[in-house]
PDB file of N, CA and C in Angstrom:
ATOM      1  N   MET A   1      -9.747  -8.467 -23.163  1.00  0.00           N
ATOM      2  CA  MET A   1      -8.620  -9.258 -22.980  1.00  0.00           C
ATOM      3  C   MET A   1      -7.535  -8.422 -22.308  1.00  0.00           C
ATOM      4  N   THR A   2      -7.083  -8.982 -21.026  1.00  0.00           N
ATOM      5  CA  THR A   2      -6.032  -8.108 -20.370  1.00  0.00           C
ATOM      6  C   THR A   2      -4.667  -8.612 -20.844  1.00  0.00           C
ATOM      7  N   SER A   3      -3.741  -7.744 -20.930  1.00  0.00           N
ATOM      8  CA  SER A   3      -2.337  -8.033 -21.161  1.00  0.00           C
ATOM      9  C   SER A   3      -1.611  -8.569 -19.888  1.00  0.00           C
ATOM     10  N   PRO A   4      -0.485  -9.103 -19.991  1.00  0.00           N
ATOM     11  CA  PRO A   4       0.287  -9.581 -18.756  1.00  0.00           C
ATOM     12  C   PRO A   4       0.743  -8.345 -17.994  1.00  0.00           C
ATOM     13  N   THR A   5       0.906  -7.314 -18.727  1.00  0.00           N
ATOM     14  CA  THR A   5       1.412  -6.236 -17.895  1.00  0.00           C
ATOM     15  C   THR A   5       0.202  -5.472 -17.122  1.00  0.00           C
ATOM     16  N   THR A   6      -0.876  -5.476 -17.774  1.00  0.00           N
ATOM     17  CA  THR A   6      -2.069  -5.031 -16.982  1.00  0.00           C
ATOM     18  C   THR A   6      -2.542  -5.928 -15.699  1.00  0.00           C
ATOM     19  N   SER A   7      -2.328  -7.258 -15.880  1.00  0.00           N
ATOM     20  CA  SER A   7      -2.645  -8.130 -14.843  1.00  0.00           C
ATOM     21  C   SER A   7      -1.576  -8.031 -13.680  1.00  0.00           C
ATOM     22  N   GLY A   8      -0.321  -7.709 -14.223  1.00  0.00           N
ATOM     23  CA  GLY A   8       0.715  -7.673 -13.250  1.00  0.00           C
ATOM     24  C   GLY A   8       0.653  -6.329 -12.437  1.00  0.00           C
ATOM     25  N   ARG A   9       0.050  -5.249 -13.106  1.00  0.00           N
ATOM     26  CA  ARG A   9       0.095  -4.074 -12.401  1.00  0.00           C
ATOM     27  C   ARG A   9      -1.051  -3.976 -11.266  1.00  0.00           C
ATOM     28  N   ALA A  10      -2.082  -4.709 -11.808  1.00  0.00           N
ATOM     29  CA  ALA A  10      -3.302  -5.018 -10.867  1.00  0.00           C
ATOM     30  C   ALA A  10      -2.847  -5.791  -9.608  1.00  0.00           C
ATOM     31  N   SER A  11      -2.041  -6.766  -9.899  1.00  0.00           N
ATOM     32  CA  SER A  11      -1.631  -7.690  -8.693  1.00  0.00           C
ATOM     33  C   SER A  11      -0.708  -6.793  -7.709  1.00  0.00           C
ATOM     34  N   ALA A  12       0.215  -5.964  -8.507  1.00  0.00           N
ATOM     35  CA  ALA A  12       1.114  -5.053  -7.638  1.00  0.00           C
ATOM     36  C   ALA A  12       0.308  -4.049  -6.941  1.00  0.00           C
ATOM     37  N   ALA A  13      -0.737  -3.539  -7.523  1.00  0.00           N
ATOM     38  CA  ALA A  13      -1.666  -2.458  -6.742  1.00  0.00           C
ATOM     39  C   ALA A  13      -2.216  -3.164  -5.696  1.00  0.00           C
ATOM     40  N   PHE A  14      -2.815  -4.281  -5.751  1.00  0.00           N
ATOM     41  CA  PHE A  14      -3.449  -5.063  -4.706  1.00  0.00           C
ATOM     42  C   PHE A  14      -2.515  -5.351  -3.554  1.00  0.00           C
ATOM     43  N   ALA A  15      -1.169  -5.775  -3.966  1.00  0.00           N
ATOM     44  CA  ALA A  15      -0.195  -6.122  -2.994  1.00  0.00           C
ATOM     45  C   ALA A  15       0.275  -4.708  -2.181  1.00  0.00           C
ATOM     46  N   GLY A  16       0.241  -3.758  -3.026  1.00  0.00           N
ATOM     47  CA  GLY A  16       0.704  -2.290  -2.352  1.00  0.00           C
ATOM     48  C   GLY A  16      -0.520  -1.937  -1.356  1.00  0.00           C
ATOM     49  N   THR A  17      -1.652  -2.129  -1.803  1.00  0.00           N
ATOM     50  CA  THR A  17      -2.615  -1.877  -0.877  1.00  0.00           C
ATOM     51  C   THR A  17      -2.690  -2.764   0.466  1.00  0.00           C
ATOM     52  N   LEU A  18      -2.509  -3.931   0.281  1.00  0.00           N
ATOM     53  CA  LEU A  18      -2.415  -4.803   1.475  1.00  0.00           C
ATOM     54  C   LEU A  18      -1.245  -4.217   2.445  1.00  0.00           C
ATOM     55  N   VAL A  19      -0.174  -3.941   1.778  1.00  0.00           N
ATOM     56  CA  VAL A  19       1.002  -3.571   2.711  1.00  0.00           C
ATOM     57  C   VAL A  19       0.723  -2.222   3.376  1.00  0.00           C
ATOM     58  N   GLY A  20       0.112  -1.314   2.459  1.00  0.00           N
ATOM     59  CA  GLY A  20      -0.306   0.011   3.032  1.00  0.00           C
ATOM     60  C   GLY A  20      -1.295  -0.157   4.259  1.00  0.00           C
ATOM     61  N   THR A  21      -2.283  -1.027   4.128  1.00  0.00           N
ATOM     62  CA  THR A  21      -3.246  -1.188   5.095  1.00  0.00           C
ATOM     63  C   THR A  21      -2.659  -1.724   6.366  1.00  0.00           C
ATOM     64  N   ALA A  22      -1.641  -2.731   6.204  1.00  0.00           N
ATOM     65  CA  ALA A  22      -0.790  -3.149   7.397  1.00  0.00           C
ATOM     66  C   ALA A  22      -0.146  -2.252   8.091  1.00  0.00           C
ATOM     67  N   ALA A  23       0.526  -1.201   7.384  1.00  0.00           N
ATOM     68  CA  ALA A  23       1.168  -0.238   7.903  1.00  0.00           C
ATOM     69  C   ALA A  23       0.261   0.832   8.609  1.00  0.00           C
ATOM     70  N   GLY A  24      -0.903   1.034   8.108  1.00  0.00           N
ATOM     71  CA  GLY A  24      -1.836   1.918   8.746  1.00  0.00           C
ATOM     72  C   GLY A  24      -2.277   1.346   9.983  1.00  0.00           C
ATOM     73  N   ILE A  25      -2.561  -0.037  10.080  1.00  0.00           N
ATOM     74  CA  ILE A  25      -3.085  -0.721  11.220  1.00  0.00           C
ATOM     75  C   ILE A  25      -1.998  -0.609  12.310  1.00  0.00           C
ATOM     76  N   LEU A  26      -0.881  -0.751  11.870  1.00  0.00           N
ATOM     77  CA  LEU A  26       0.300  -0.657  12.958  1.00  0.00           C
ATOM     78  C   LEU A  26       0.464   0.741  13.526  1.00  0.00           C
ATOM     79  N   LEU A  27       0.180   1.753  12.613  1.00  0.00           N
ATOM     80  CA  LEU A  27       0.159   3.189  13.267  1.00  0.00           C
ATOM     81  C   LEU A  27      -0.941   3.406  14.041  1.00  0.00           C
ATOM     82  N   VAL A  28      -2.096   2.849  13.707  1.00  0.00           N
ATOM     83  CA  VAL A  28      -3.263   3.051  14.533  1.00  0.00           C
ATOM     84  C   VAL A  28      -3.020   2.371  16.079  1.00  0.00           C
ATOM     85  N   ALA A  29      -2.501   0.935  15.954  1.00  0.00           N
ATOM     86  CA  ALA A  29      -2.169   0.396  17.176  1.00  0.00           C
ATOM     87  C   ALA A  29      -1.012   1.155  17.994  1.00  0.00           C
ATOM     88  N   ALA A  30      -0.090   1.697  17.414  1.00  0.00           N
ATOM     89  CA  ALA A  30       0.885   2.497  18.058  1.00  0.00           C
ATOM     90  C   ALA A  30       0.370   3.748  18.656  1.00  0.00           C
ATOM     91  N   ALA A  31      -0.489   4.443  17.919  1.00  0.00           N
ATOM     92  CA  ALA A  31      -1.248   5.582  18.575  1.00  0.00           C
ATOM     93  C   ALA A  31      -2.112   5.312  19.659  1.00  0.00           C
ATOM     94  N   GLY A  32      -2.753   4.170  19.642  1.00  0.00           N
ATOM     95  CA  GLY A  32      -3.596   3.670  20.618  1.00  0.00           C
ATOM     96  C   GLY A  32      -2.783   3.282  21.820  1.00  0.00           C
ATOM     97  N   THR A  33      -1.548   2.989  21.747  1.00  0.00           N
ATOM     98  CA  THR A  33      -0.771   2.614  22.899  1.00  0.00           C
ATOM     99  C   THR A  33      -0.199   3.773  23.793  1.00  0.00           C
ATOM    100  N   PHE A  34      -0.011   4.800  22.865  1.00  0.00           N
ATOM    101  CA  PHE A  34       0.329   6.079  23.606  1.00  0.00           C
ATOM    102  C   PHE A  34      -0.909   6.996  24.090  1.00  0.00           C
ATOM    103  N   SER A  35      -1.905   6.682  23.534  1.00  0.00           N
ATOM    104  CA  SER A  35      -3.236   7.520  23.848  1.00  0.00           C
ATOM    105  C   SER A  35      -4.295   6.520  24.179  1.00  0.00           C
ATOM    106  N   MET A  36      -5.099   6.858  25.050  1.00  0.00           N
ATOM    107  CA  MET A  36      -6.290   5.973  25.640  1.00  0.00           C
ATOM    108  C   MET A  36      -7.254   5.886  24.391  1.00  0.00           C
ATOM    109  N   THR A  37      -7.505   7.019  23.706  1.00  0.00           N
ATOM    110  CA  THR A  37      -8.555   7.103  22.578  1.00  0.00           C
ATOM    111  C   THR A  37      -7.921   7.477  21.278  1.00  0.00           C
ATOM    112  N   VAL A  38      -8.375   6.827  20.257  1.00  0.00           N
ATOM    113  CA  VAL A  38      -7.923   7.066  18.936  1.00  0.00           C
ATOM    114  C   VAL A  38      -9.224   7.528  18.208  1.00  0.00           C
ATOM    115  N   GLY A  39      -9.301   8.690  17.638  1.00  0.00           N
ATOM    116  CA  GLY A  39     -10.576   9.197  16.987  1.00  0.00           C
ATOM    117  C   GLY A  39     -10.700   8.326  15.696  1.00  0.00           C
ATOM    118  N   GLY A  40     -12.054   8.190  15.115  1.00  0.00           N
ATOM    119  CA  GLY A  40     -12.311   7.394  14.131  1.00  0.00           C
ATOM    120  C   GLY A  40     -11.730   8.105  12.714  1.00  0.00           C
ATOM    121  N   ILE A  41     -11.759   9.360  12.639  1.00  0.00           N
ATOM    122  CA  ILE A  41     -11.350  10.126  11.470  1.00  0.00           C
ATOM    123  C   ILE A  41      -9.740   9.755  11.428  1.00  0.00           C
ATOM    124  N   PHE A  42      -9.060   9.959  12.579  1.00  0.00           N
ATOM    125  CA  PHE A  42      -7.638   9.742  12.586  1.00  0.00           C
ATOM    126  C   PHE A  42      -7.475   8.211  12.184  1.00  0.00           C
ATOM    127  N   ALA A  43      -8.289   7.234  12.796  1.00  0.00           N
ATOM    128  CA  ALA A  43      -8.025   5.632  12.281  1.00  0.00           C
ATOM    129  C   ALA A  43      -8.206   5.721  10.835  1.00  0.00           C
ATOM    130  N   ALA A  44      -9.231   6.207  10.308  1.00  0.00           N
ATOM    131  CA  ALA A  44      -9.657   6.024   8.996  1.00  0.00           C
ATOM    132  C   ALA A  44      -8.478   6.652   8.082  1.00  0.00           C
ATOM    133  N   LEU A  45      -7.899   7.840   8.400  1.00  0.00           N
ATOM    134  CA  LEU A  45      -6.861   8.517   7.578  1.00  0.00           C
ATOM    135  C   LEU A  45      -5.607   7.674   7.726  1.00  0.00           C
ATOM    136  N   ALA A  46      -5.352   7.139   8.932  1.00  0.00           N
ATOM    137  CA  ALA A  46      -4.053   6.366   9.279  1.00  0.00           C
ATOM    138  C   ALA A  46      -3.916   5.186   8.468  1.00  0.00           C
ATOM    139  N   ILE A  47      -5.222   4.517   8.061  1.00  0.00           N
ATOM    140  CA  ILE A  47      -5.271   3.181   7.474  1.00  0.00           C
ATOM    141  C   ILE A  47      -5.471   3.486   5.788  1.00  0.00           C
ATOM    142  N   GLY A  48      -6.346   4.522   5.537  1.00  0.00           N
ATOM    143  CA  GLY A  48      -6.640   4.787   4.171  1.00  0.00           C
ATOM    144  C   GLY A  48      -5.584   5.422   3.295  1.00  0.00           C
ATOM    145  N   VAL A  49      -4.874   6.359   3.876  1.00  0.00           N
ATOM    146  CA  VAL A  49      -3.774   6.981   3.220  1.00  0.00           C
ATOM    147  C   VAL A  49      -2.788   6.016   2.948  1.00  0.00           C
ATOM    148  N   PRO A  50      -2.074   5.263   3.647  1.00  0.00           N
ATOM    149  CA  PRO A  50      -1.044   4.264   3.289  1.00  0.00           C
ATOM    150  C   PRO A  50      -1.678   3.295   2.446  1.00  0.00           C
ATOM    151  N   ALA A  51      -2.891   2.828   2.392  1.00  0.00           N
ATOM    152  CA  ALA A  51      -3.464   1.911   1.678  1.00  0.00           C
ATOM    153  C   ALA A  51      -3.659   2.366   0.124  1.00  0.00           C
ATOM    154  N   VAL A  52      -4.002   3.653   0.045  1.00  0.00           N
ATOM    155  CA  VAL A  52      -4.138   4.264  -1.341  1.00  0.00           C
ATOM    156  C   VAL A  52      -2.639   4.589  -1.950  1.00  0.00           C
ATOM    157  N   SER A  53      -1.739   4.953  -1.110  1.00  0.00           N
ATOM    158  CA  SER A  53      -0.341   5.281  -1.513  1.00  0.00           C
ATOM    159  C   SER A  53       0.244   4.007  -1.929  1.00  0.00           C
ATOM    160  N   GLY A  54       0.108   3.015  -1.163  1.00  0.00           N
ATOM    161  CA  GLY A  54       0.493   1.508  -1.796  1.00  0.00           C
ATOM    162  C   GLY A  54      -0.003   1.040  -3.084  1.00  0.00           C
ATOM    163  N   ALA A  55      -1.309   1.511  -3.227  1.00  0.00           N
ATOM    164  CA  ALA A  55      -1.986   1.096  -4.489  1.00  0.00           C
ATOM    165  C   ALA A  55      -1.314   1.784  -5.584  1.00  0.00           C
ATOM    166  N   VAL A  56      -1.170   3.226  -5.268  1.00  0.00           N
ATOM    167  CA  VAL A  56      -0.548   3.951  -6.441  1.00  0.00           C
ATOM    168  C   VAL A  56       0.926   3.460  -6.793  1.00  0.00           C
ATOM    169  N   VAL A  57       1.813   3.313  -5.843  1.00  0.00           N
ATOM    170  CA  VAL A  57       2.966   2.868  -6.052  1.00  0.00           C
ATOM    171  C   VAL A  57       3.180   1.492  -6.752  1.00  0.00           C
ATOM    172  N   GLY A  58       2.272   0.780  -6.257  1.00  0.00           N
ATOM    173  CA  GLY A  58       2.252  -0.715  -6.845  1.00  0.00           C
ATOM    174  C   GLY A  58       1.768  -0.572  -8.332  1.00  0.00           C
ATOM    175  N   ALA A  59       0.734   0.289  -8.717  1.00  0.00           N
ATOM    176  CA  ALA A  59       0.310   0.343 -10.034  1.00  0.00           C
ATOM    177  C   ALA A  59       1.458   0.957 -10.971  1.00  0.00           C
ATOM    178  N   ALA A  60       2.151   1.956 -10.302  1.00  0.00           N
ATOM    179  CA  ALA A  60       3.134   2.855 -11.010  1.00  0.00           C
ATOM    180  C   ALA A  60       4.465   1.926 -11.331  1.00  0.00           C
ATOM    181  N   LEU A  61       4.705   0.988 -10.593  1.00  0.00           N
ATOM    182  CA  LEU A  61       5.820   0.223 -10.730  1.00  0.00           C
ATOM    183  C   LEU A  61       5.565  -1.112 -11.835  1.00  0.00           C
ATOM    184  N   THR A  62       6.137  -1.292 -12.811  1.00  0.00           N
ATOM    185  CA  THR A  62       5.864  -2.255 -13.720  1.00  0.00           C
ATOM    186  C   THR A  62       6.690  -3.474 -13.380  1.00  0.00           C
ATOM    187  N   PRO A  63       6.050  -4.468 -13.005  1.00  0.00           N
ATOM    188  CA  PRO A  63       6.699  -5.702 -12.616  1.00  0.00           C
ATOM    189  C   PRO A  63       7.547  -6.457 -13.788  1.00  0.00           C
ATOM    190  N   GLY A  64       8.724  -6.769 -13.327  1.00  0.00           N
ATOM    191  CA  GLY A  64       9.592  -7.401 -14.321  1.00  0.00           C
ATOM    192  C   GLY A  64      10.503  -6.481 -15.023  1.00  0.00           C
ATOM    193  N   HIS A  65      10.449  -5.275 -14.794  1.00  0.00           N
ATOM    194  CA  HIS A  65      11.373  -4.256 -15.396  1.00  0.00           C
ATOM    195  C   HIS A  65      12.256  -3.538 -14.482  1.00  0.00           C
ATOM    196  N   THR A  66      13.604  -3.938 -14.550  1.00  0.00           N
ATOM    197  CA  THR A  66      14.626  -3.145 -13.560  1.00  0.00           C
ATOM    198  C   THR A  66      15.478  -2.581 -14.349  1.00  0.00           C
ATOM    199  N   ARG A  67      16.377  -1.708 -13.908  1.00  0.00           N
ATOM    200  CA  ARG A  67      17.426  -0.910 -14.522  1.00  0.00           C
ATOM    201  C   ARG A  67      18.634  -1.763 -14.472  1.00  0.00           C
ATOM    202  N   TRP A  68      18.741  -2.705 -13.762  1.00  0.00           N
ATOM    203  CA  TRP A  68      19.998  -3.539 -13.529  1.00  0.00           C
ATOM    204  C   TRP A  68      20.399  -4.119 -15.033  1.00  0.00           C
ATOM    205  N   ASN A  69      21.531  -3.931 -15.386  1.00  0.00           N
ATOM    206  CA  ASN A  69      22.104  -4.242 -16.543  1.00  0.00           C
ATOM    207  C   ASN A  69      23.088  -5.566 -16.251  1.00  0.00           C
ATOM    208  N   SER A  70      22.775  -6.560 -16.903  1.00  0.00           N
ATOM    209  CA  SER A  70      23.669  -7.770 -16.508  1.00  0.00           C
ATOM    210  C   SER A  70      24.979  -7.918 -17.264  1.00  0.00           C
ATOM    211  N   ARG A  71      25.143  -7.073 -18.103  1.00  0.00           N
ATOM    212  CA  ARG A  71      26.469  -7.222 -18.943  1.00  0.00           C
ATOM    213  C   ARG A  71      27.829  -7.096 -17.920  1.00  0.00           C
TER     214      ARG A  71
END
């Protein structure tokens, strides 16, 4: 049985992966605009690194917890 925190972290990690992948795709598209050829290794790294980073950041941030004090 998963707790709400685990489910929230998984969702945040998935959302971070999607955002990172989108950023990587934009990076590859921009590189392709300035260069006629984009190597496969560069494309894989440019999409993979932001995707993994987004997943790590999404998993590290606990949803629903902020430092803001409403007093």
